[in-house]
């Protein structure tokens, strides 16, 4: 992460946008606001700032991107959801301000910064055996707690929680591709629609991107759940399957913590329900397909001719998409063999 301070100099076309936001926040709070650096992430642009009258405290500004992997964003919806989750006691960032396009051309959120550690699968794998089990247990307990929340009080009741709703939402991403194409993703979209008839499932609040990279830890406790832009109503097994991305067998490691079999057993115990392997694999296909749609969109944005600011490093999404396609075909083969 960059650590340049002061106003947003040296950041190209983004500097004007973030400078307008910084000026607006400073005027609203009546104090000097400084930019500390960029926040990691691919779906939103994020900026870390400090305020003179809040010593030792940082906050995060997240702007809606002009182009992004999910096509549509709604900062107002996310702010309302975060407010509802906070009132229910879930550890989420508190919303300090919501800004509209009249200020800088896009909507943005100002969130408090949650101090702690954000683990990667690599750093998690370096923990001791007992620690990894403790982390995995906390992970699934927090996830099942989330799934038990009264979603009708948090999200629009008119959402379609079915697989068809998921396919329509992310199918629009595929339909908007300009340069990139994927026969595998097109095939899996049809396969999911046909296989979905055997998976009616439960309906709950689904985070949509519940993984180590979106969790803030202090020791083995989760103190922050981040990035709610893809939250929706759906089957809670989607979140479980998303957490298992890349784990194509029972022995495969999940996020560097425990094996898939161990992880699913911990989840089943916390949720008080059995998880059939075939159901899990179906939702792993759905989750990997959503990930593939995102990777294809990001790659497409990177190589579209009218985007001169393309960074060659963004082509790494091509390799991610390649791995996802192989994972999808492997999972479908397992599902079909389990008939």
Protein backbone atom coordinates (compact mmCIF):
# COMPACT_ATOMS: atom_id res chain seq x y z
CA UNK A 1 0.00 0.00 0.00
CA UNK A 2 1.27 3.46 -0.81
CA UNK A 3 1.87 5.79 2.07
CA UNK A 4 2.00 9.20 0.43
CA UNK A 5 0.53 11.89 2.67
CA UNK A 6 -1.13 15.21 2.13
CA UNK A 7 -3.37 15.92 -0.85
CA UNK A 8 -3.89 13.44 -3.66
CA UNK A 9 -0.91 14.34 -5.79
CA UNK A 10 0.78 11.79 -7.99
CA UNK A 11 -2.27 9.58 -8.49
CA UNK A 12 -3.23 10.61 -12.01
CA UNK A 13 -6.87 11.15 -12.95
CA UNK A 14 -8.05 9.94 -9.53
CA UNK A 15 -6.38 12.85 -7.74
CA UNK A 16 -9.11 15.33 -8.66
CA UNK A 17 -11.87 13.03 -7.44
CA UNK A 18 -10.31 12.14 -4.12
CA UNK A 19 -9.18 15.73 -3.51
CA UNK A 20 -12.79 16.92 -3.85
CA UNK A 21 -13.87 14.25 -1.37
CA UNK A 22 -11.08 15.18 1.06
CA UNK A 23 -12.03 18.86 0.86
CA UNK A 24 -15.71 18.04 1.42
CA UNK A 25 -14.99 15.88 4.50
CA UNK A 26 -12.67 18.53 5.96
CA UNK A 27 -15.31 21.22 5.52
CA UNK A 28 -18.05 19.00 6.98
CA UNK A 29 -15.99 18.05 10.04
CA UNK A 30 -14.32 21.45 10.40
CA UNK A 31 -10.84 19.95 10.69
CA UNK A 32 -7.79 19.19 8.59
CA UNK A 33 -8.11 15.87 6.73
CA UNK A 34 -5.09 14.16 5.20
CA UNK A 35 -4.72 11.25 2.80
CA UNK A 36 -2.52 8.47 4.15
CA UNK A 37 -2.62 6.11 1.16
CA UNK A 38 -4.55 3.67 -0.95
CA UNK A 39 -6.53 0.76 0.48
CA UNK A 40 -6.27 -2.68 -1.14
CA UNK A 41 -9.15 -4.04 -3.21
CA UNK A 42 -10.35 -4.55 -6.77
CA UNK A 43 -14.09 -3.83 -6.72
CA UNK A 44 -13.92 -0.35 -5.16
CA UNK A 45 -11.34 2.40 -4.99
CA UNK A 46 -10.37 2.91 -1.37
CA UNK A 47 -8.47 5.70 0.39
CA UNK A 48 -7.19 5.80 3.96
CA UNK A 49 -7.36 9.19 5.66
CA UNK A 50 -6.78 10.83 9.02
CA UNK A 51 -8.45 13.81 10.68
CA UNK A 52 -6.66 16.34 12.87
CA UNK A 53 -9.31 16.37 15.61
CA UNK A 54 -9.38 12.55 15.79
CA UNK A 55 -5.76 11.74 16.72
CA UNK A 56 -4.72 8.15 16.27
CA UNK A 57 -7.87 7.30 14.32
CA UNK A 58 -8.00 6.43 10.65
CA UNK A 59 -11.00 6.16 8.38
CA UNK A 60 -11.67 4.70 4.96
CA UNK A 61 -13.24 6.39 1.95
CA UNK A 62 -14.69 3.96 -0.60
CA UNK A 63 -15.83 5.32 -3.95
CA UNK A 64 -18.02 3.64 -6.51
CA UNK A 65 -15.80 2.84 -9.52
CA UNK A 66 -16.76 4.11 -12.93
CA UNK A 67 -16.07 0.57 -14.18
CA UNK A 68 -15.98 -2.52 -12.05
CA UNK A 69 -16.49 -6.26 -11.93
CA UNK A 70 -20.11 -6.19 -10.72
CA UNK A 71 -21.45 -3.51 -13.08
CA UNK A 72 -23.80 -1.90 -10.55
CA UNK A 73 -23.06 -0.45 -7.12
CA UNK A 74 -25.30 1.17 -4.56
CA UNK A 75 -23.47 2.99 -1.80
CA UNK A 76 -26.75 4.04 -0.16
CA UNK A 77 -27.91 0.43 0.04
CA UNK A 78 -24.59 -0.67 1.52
CA UNK A 79 -24.66 2.13 4.10
CA UNK A 80 -28.18 1.17 5.19
CA UNK A 81 -27.18 -2.50 5.42
CA UNK A 82 -24.09 -1.70 7.50
CA UNK A 83 -26.22 0.40 9.84
CA UNK A 84 -28.68 -2.45 10.32
CA UNK A 85 -25.92 -4.99 10.89
CA UNK A 86 -24.25 -2.76 13.47
CA UNK A 87 -27.52 -2.39 15.37
CA UNK A 88 -27.77 -6.20 15.47
CA UNK A 89 -24.31 -6.40 16.99
CA UNK A 90 -22.37 -7.72 14.01
CA UNK A 91 -18.75 -6.45 13.86
CA UNK A 92 -18.90 -4.19 10.79
CA UNK A 93 -17.43 -0.77 10.01
CA UNK A 94 -19.55 2.16 11.18
CA UNK A 95 -20.71 4.55 8.48
CA UNK A 96 -19.49 8.08 9.20
CA UNK A 97 -20.73 9.77 6.03
CA UNK A 98 -22.41 9.07 2.69
CA UNK A 99 -21.65 11.36 -0.24
CA UNK A 100 -23.40 11.81 -3.57
CA UNK A 101 -22.26 12.47 -7.15
CA UNK A 102 -22.88 16.20 -6.71
CA UNK A 103 -19.65 16.28 -4.68
CA UNK A 104 -17.23 14.35 -6.88
CA UNK A 105 -19.20 12.64 -9.67
CA UNK A 106 -19.71 9.30 -7.88
CA UNK A 107 -21.21 8.15 -4.60
CA UNK A 108 -18.88 7.31 -1.74
CA UNK A 109 -18.86 6.01 1.82
CA UNK A 110 -16.75 7.18 4.74
CA UNK A 111 -16.21 4.30 7.18
CA UNK A 112 -14.34 3.98 10.43
CA UNK A 113 -11.14 1.95 10.28
CA UNK A 114 -11.07 -1.31 12.25
CA UNK A 115 -7.63 -2.10 13.63
CA UNK A 116 -6.46 -5.70 13.49
CA UNK A 117 -4.90 -8.29 11.20
CA UNK A 118 -6.22 -9.36 7.81
CA UNK A 119 -4.89 -12.84 7.10
CA UNK A 120 -4.15 -14.50 3.78
CA UNK A 121 -4.29 -18.27 3.23
CA UNK A 122 -0.49 -18.23 3.28
CA UNK A 123 -0.25 -16.45 6.65
CA UNK A 124 -3.03 -18.66 8.06
CA UNK A 125 -1.15 -21.79 7.00
CA UNK A 126 1.82 -20.59 9.09
CA UNK A 127 -0.24 -20.70 12.29
CA UNK A 128 0.03 -23.62 14.67
CA UNK A 129 -2.40 -26.53 14.39
CA UNK A 130 -4.50 -25.52 17.40
CA UNK A 131 -4.59 -21.90 16.19
CA UNK A 132 -5.79 -22.93 12.74
CA UNK A 133 -8.66 -24.89 14.27
CA UNK A 134 -9.53 -21.95 16.52
CA UNK A 135 -9.56 -19.59 13.52
CA UNK A 136 -11.68 -21.98 11.44
CA UNK A 137 -14.13 -22.40 14.34
CA UNK A 138 -14.48 -18.64 14.81
CA UNK A 139 -14.90 -18.26 11.04
CA UNK A 140 -17.83 -20.70 10.76
CA UNK A 141 -19.48 -19.51 13.98
CA UNK A 142 -19.45 -15.93 12.71
CA UNK A 143 -20.74 -17.05 9.32
CA UNK A 144 -23.64 -19.03 10.80
CA UNK A 145 -24.45 -16.11 13.09
CA UNK A 146 -24.67 -13.91 10.01
CA UNK A 147 -26.96 -16.41 8.28
CA UNK A 148 -29.37 -16.40 11.25
CA UNK A 149 -29.94 -12.64 11.10
CA UNK A 150 -33.45 -11.42 10.13
CA UNK A 151 -32.69 -10.66 6.49
CA UNK A 152 -36.19 -9.26 5.88
CA UNK A 153 -35.21 -6.33 8.11
CA UNK A 154 -31.93 -5.75 6.28
CA UNK A 155 -32.47 -6.22 2.54
CA UNK A 156 -35.13 -5.62 -0.08
CA UNK A 157 -37.75 -8.38 0.17
CA UNK A 158 -38.25 -8.18 -3.58
CA UNK A 159 -34.89 -9.80 -4.32
CA UNK A 160 -34.90 -13.16 -6.08
CA UNK A 161 -33.06 -15.61 -3.78
CA UNK A 162 -33.05 -18.43 -6.33
CA UNK A 163 -30.18 -19.68 -8.47
CA UNK A 164 -31.92 -18.02 -11.40
CA UNK A 165 -31.61 -14.66 -9.63
CA UNK A 166 -27.90 -15.24 -9.10
CA UNK A 167 -27.45 -16.22 -12.75
CA UNK A 168 -29.27 -13.10 -13.94
CA UNK A 169 -27.22 -10.85 -11.67
CA UNK A 170 -23.80 -12.10 -12.73
CA UNK A 171 -24.87 -13.15 -16.22
CA UNK A 172 -25.10 -9.44 -16.98
CA UNK A 173 -21.37 -9.30 -16.32
CA UNK A 174 -20.74 -11.88 -19.05
CA UNK A 175 -23.11 -10.15 -21.43
CA UNK A 176 -21.17 -6.88 -21.07
CA UNK A 177 -17.79 -8.34 -22.03
CA UNK A 178 -16.22 -6.59 -25.02
CA UNK A 179 -12.92 -8.38 -25.69
CA UNK A 180 -12.77 -11.39 -23.38
CA UNK A 181 -14.95 -14.47 -23.85
CA UNK A 182 -15.21 -17.82 -22.08
CA UNK A 183 -16.94 -20.86 -23.52
CA UNK A 184 -16.61 -22.53 -20.12
CA UNK A 185 -18.44 -19.75 -18.26
CA UNK A 186 -21.21 -19.75 -20.87
CA UNK A 187 -21.54 -23.53 -20.56
CA UNK A 188 -21.59 -23.44 -16.74
CA UNK A 189 -24.32 -20.80 -16.76
CA UNK A 190 -26.58 -23.23 -18.61
CA UNK A 191 -25.43 -26.17 -16.46
CA UNK A 192 -26.27 -24.33 -13.24
CA UNK A 193 -29.74 -23.44 -14.48
CA UNK A 194 -30.45 -27.09 -15.28
CA UNK A 195 -28.93 -28.51 -12.08
CA UNK A 196 -30.60 -25.94 -9.84
CA UNK A 197 -33.93 -27.79 -9.82
CA UNK A 198 -32.42 -30.27 -7.33
CA UNK A 199 -31.29 -27.54 -4.92
CA UNK A 200 -34.13 -25.47 -3.49
CA UNK A 201 -32.17 -24.62 -0.32
CA UNK A 202 -32.72 -22.18 2.53
CA UNK A 203 -33.02 -18.41 2.27
CA UNK A 204 -30.79 -16.14 4.35
CA UNK A 205 -28.63 -13.04 4.22
CA UNK A 206 -25.61 -13.98 2.12
CA UNK A 207 -22.44 -11.90 2.36
CA UNK A 208 -21.24 -12.94 -1.09
CA UNK A 209 -17.50 -12.55 -0.46
CA UNK A 210 -16.93 -14.09 2.98
CA UNK A 211 -13.24 -15.01 3.11
CA UNK A 212 -10.09 -14.25 5.07
CA UNK A 213 -9.31 -11.17 2.98
CA UNK A 214 -12.52 -9.50 4.16
CA UNK A 215 -12.14 -10.27 7.86
CA UNK A 216 -10.22 -8.32 10.50
CA UNK A 217 -8.83 -10.43 13.36
CA UNK A 218 -7.43 -9.83 16.82
CA UNK A 219 -5.86 -13.10 17.87
CA UNK A 220 -8.48 -15.72 16.95
CA UNK A 221 -11.48 -13.36 17.13
CA UNK A 222 -13.17 -11.64 14.21
CA UNK A 223 -13.56 -7.93 14.97
CA UNK A 224 -14.51 -6.71 11.50
CA UNK A 225 -16.43 -8.02 8.49
CA UNK A 226 -15.71 -5.90 5.41
CA UNK A 227 -16.93 -5.40 1.83
CA UNK A 228 -20.70 -5.92 1.77
CA UNK A 229 -21.33 -4.69 -1.78
CA UNK A 230 -22.38 -8.14 -3.07
CA UNK A 231 -24.61 -9.00 -0.08
CA UNK A 232 -27.97 -10.39 -1.13
CA UNK A 233 -30.67 -12.88 -0.23
CA UNK A 234 -29.83 -16.45 -1.16
CA UNK A 235 -28.82 -19.90 -0.01
CA UNK A 236 -26.31 -19.71 2.87
CA UNK A 237 -24.37 -22.60 1.30
CA UNK A 238 -23.11 -20.09 -1.26
CA UNK A 239 -21.02 -18.41 1.46
CA UNK A 240 -19.73 -21.79 2.65
CA UNK A 241 -18.81 -22.76 -0.91
CA UNK A 242 -17.17 -19.38 -1.54
CA UNK A 243 -14.97 -19.95 1.50
CA UNK A 244 -13.97 -23.31 -0.01
CA UNK A 245 -12.81 -21.84 -3.33
CA UNK A 246 -10.00 -23.89 -4.80
CA UNK A 247 -10.71 -26.86 -2.51
CA UNK A 248 -11.80 -29.52 -4.98
CA UNK A 249 -11.52 -32.53 -2.66
CA UNK A 250 -12.19 -33.37 0.96
CA UNK A 251 -8.47 -33.28 1.74
CA UNK A 252 -7.89 -29.90 0.07
CA UNK A 253 -6.95 -27.05 2.45
CA UNK A 254 -9.53 -24.32 3.00
CA UNK A 255 -7.89 -20.90 3.32
CA UNK A 256 -4.77 -22.52 4.77
CA UNK A 257 -6.66 -23.47 7.95
CA UNK A 258 -8.08 -27.00 7.83
CA UNK A 259 -9.14 -29.54 5.22
CA UNK A 260 -12.43 -29.11 3.38
CA UNK A 261 -13.93 -32.10 5.23
CA UNK A 262 -12.92 -30.62 8.59
CA UNK A 263 -14.16 -27.17 7.62
CA UNK A 264 -17.57 -28.41 6.49
CA UNK A 265 -17.91 -30.48 9.67
CA UNK A 266 -17.20 -27.37 11.78
CA UNK A 267 -19.77 -25.40 9.78
CA UNK A 268 -22.39 -28.14 10.08
CA UNK A 269 -21.89 -28.27 13.85
CA UNK A 270 -22.18 -24.48 14.17
CA UNK A 271 -25.21 -24.30 11.87
CA UNK A 272 -26.94 -27.32 13.37
CA UNK A 273 -27.49 -28.90 9.97
CA UNK A 274 -26.00 -31.55 7.76
CA UNK A 275 -24.23 -30.50 4.56
CA UNK A 276 -24.43 -33.07 1.78
CA UNK A 277 -21.26 -33.27 -0.31
CA UNK A 278 -23.28 -33.03 -3.53
CA UNK A 279 -25.00 -29.84 -2.33
CA UNK A 280 -21.64 -28.35 -1.40
CA UNK A 281 -20.16 -29.18 -4.81
CA UNK A 282 -23.15 -27.62 -6.58
CA UNK A 283 -22.67 -24.39 -4.66
CA UNK A 284 -18.92 -24.54 -5.23
CA UNK A 285 -19.70 -24.57 -8.94
CA UNK A 286 -22.00 -21.56 -8.47
CA UNK A 287 -19.39 -19.71 -6.41
CA UNK A 288 -16.56 -20.47 -8.84
CA UNK A 289 -18.76 -19.34 -11.73
CA UNK A 290 -19.41 -15.99 -10.00
CA UNK A 291 -15.67 -15.66 -9.39
CA UNK A 292 -15.01 -16.48 -13.05
CA UNK A 293 -17.47 -13.80 -14.18
CA UNK A 294 -15.64 -11.28 -11.99
CA UNK A 295 -12.23 -12.33 -13.32
CA UNK A 296 -13.46 -12.12 -16.91
CA UNK A 297 -14.86 -8.65 -16.32
CA UNK A 298 -11.64 -7.38 -14.71
CA UNK A 299 -9.57 -8.86 -17.51
CA UNK A 300 -11.90 -7.33 -20.09
CA UNK A 301 -11.54 -3.90 -18.50
CA UNK A 302 -7.76 -4.35 -18.53
CA UNK A 303 -7.46 -5.08 -22.25
CA UNK A 304 -10.26 -2.96 -23.71
CA UNK A 305 -8.58 -0.69 -26.32
CA UNK A 306 -10.14 2.57 -25.08
CA UNK A 307 -8.53 2.24 -21.63
CA UNK A 308 -5.00 3.64 -22.12
CA UNK A 309 -4.26 3.45 -18.40
CA UNK A 310 -4.17 -0.37 -18.54
CA UNK A 311 -1.51 -1.86 -16.28
CA UNK A 312 0.09 -5.00 -17.70
CA UNK A 313 -0.05 -6.54 -14.24
CA UNK A 314 -3.83 -6.65 -14.57
CA UNK A 315 -3.36 -9.43 -17.12
CA UNK A 316 -2.81 -11.69 -14.11
CA UNK A 317 -6.60 -11.99 -14.12
CA UNK A 318 -6.18 -14.10 -17.26
CA UNK A 319 -4.37 -16.75 -15.25
CA UNK A 320 -6.98 -16.55 -12.50
CA UNK A 321 -9.72 -17.13 -15.04
CA UNK A 322 -7.78 -20.07 -16.50
CA UNK A 323 -7.54 -21.71 -13.06
CA UNK A 324 -11.22 -21.04 -12.37
CA UNK A 325 -12.29 -22.70 -15.61
CA UNK A 326 -10.32 -25.83 -14.71
CA UNK A 327 -11.83 -25.81 -11.22
CA UNK A 328 -15.33 -25.51 -12.66
CA UNK A 329 -14.91 -28.47 -15.00
CA UNK A 330 -13.38 -30.59 -12.22
CA UNK A 331 -16.25 -29.81 -9.83
CA UNK A 332 -18.91 -30.51 -12.45
CA UNK A 333 -17.25 -33.84 -13.21
CA UNK A 334 -17.38 -34.75 -9.50
CA UNK A 335 -21.02 -33.68 -9.27
CA UNK A 336 -22.01 -35.74 -12.32
CA UNK A 337 -20.14 -38.80 -11.04
CA UNK A 338 -22.04 -38.55 -7.76
CA UNK A 339 -25.41 -39.18 -9.38
